[in-house]
Amino acid sequence: MAISENTKKVIEFLKANNGKKVTSAEVAEAIGIEKRSVDGVFTGLQKKGLGIRVDGTTDGAKEISLLSIT
């Protein structure tokens, strides 16, 4: 099964950040694709056991998910 270009970009970005937990919006901005594409790619990675989402907040108000590869 071939890996899509977007999946490669997401994985490489997360690897380059040495496991730092980042938002899907941060990943999208950094690699130049839409946030919803990052979310879709990451959901696929999660289903394969290659990534996790951790609940987080920004400024104590807005709830977000932080992405990290395993």
Protein backbone atom coordinates (compact mmCIF):
# COMPACT_ATOMS: atom_id res chain seq x y z
CA MET A 1 0.00 0.00 0.00
CA ALA A 2 1.43 3.36 -1.04
CA ILE A 3 1.67 6.24 1.40
CA SER A 4 0.17 9.53 0.23
CA GLU A 5 2.30 12.64 -0.15
CA ASN A 6 0.35 14.36 2.64
CA THR A 7 0.94 11.43 4.99
CA LYS A 8 4.67 11.60 4.26
CA LYS A 9 4.69 15.34 4.97
CA VAL A 10 2.84 14.93 8.29
CA ILE A 11 5.09 12.09 9.46
CA GLU A 12 8.27 13.94 8.48
CA PHE A 13 7.14 17.12 10.23
CA LEU A 14 6.29 15.25 13.43
CA LYS A 15 9.59 13.33 13.32
CA ALA A 16 11.53 16.55 12.78
CA ASN A 17 9.93 17.98 15.92
CA ASN A 18 11.34 15.14 18.03
CA GLY A 19 8.04 14.04 19.52
CA LYS A 20 6.96 17.55 20.50
CA LYS A 21 3.19 17.66 20.75
CA VAL A 22 1.74 20.11 18.21
CA THR A 23 -1.73 21.00 16.99
CA SER A 24 -3.07 19.95 13.62
CA ALA A 25 -3.31 23.66 12.74
CA GLU A 26 0.42 24.08 13.44
CA VAL A 27 1.25 21.06 11.29
CA ALA A 28 -1.01 22.29 8.48
CA GLU A 29 0.55 25.75 8.46
CA ALA A 30 4.09 24.38 8.55
CA ILE A 31 3.68 21.93 5.67
CA GLY A 32 1.22 23.91 3.57
CA ILE A 33 -1.89 21.72 3.58
CA GLU A 34 -5.37 22.20 5.03
CA LYS A 35 -6.01 21.43 8.70
CA ARG A 36 -8.76 18.97 7.81
CA SER A 37 -6.26 17.06 5.65
CA VAL A 38 -3.87 16.83 8.60
CA ASP A 39 -6.73 15.60 10.81
CA GLY A 40 -7.61 12.91 8.26
CA VAL A 41 -4.02 11.78 7.88
CA PHE A 42 -3.52 11.69 11.63
CA THR A 43 -6.70 9.70 12.21
CA GLY A 44 -5.29 7.09 9.83
CA LEU A 45 -2.00 7.07 11.73
CA GLN A 46 -3.88 6.61 15.01
CA LYS A 47 -5.82 3.64 13.64
CA LYS A 48 -2.48 2.02 12.77
CA GLY A 49 -1.11 2.71 16.26
CA LEU A 50 1.43 5.24 14.94
CA GLY A 51 0.13 8.37 16.64
CA ILE A 52 -1.77 9.68 19.64
CA ARG A 53 -3.91 12.71 20.35
CA VAL A 54 -3.65 14.29 23.79
CA ASP A 55 -6.20 16.77 25.11
CA GLY A 56 -4.83 20.21 25.80
CA THR A 57 -5.94 23.81 26.16
CA THR A 58 -4.66 27.16 25.01
CA ASP A 59 -4.88 30.14 27.33
CA GLY A 60 -7.00 28.02 29.69
CA ALA A 61 -10.06 28.37 27.46
CA LYS A 62 -10.02 26.72 24.05
CA GLU A 63 -9.78 22.92 24.02
CA ILE A 64 -7.43 21.44 21.43
CA SER A 65 -5.83 18.14 20.55
CA LEU A 66 -2.08 17.78 20.48
CA LEU A 67 -0.56 15.33 17.99
CA SER A 68 2.44 13.11 18.56
CA ILE A 69 3.80 10.06 16.75
CA THR A 70 4.58 6.95 18.76
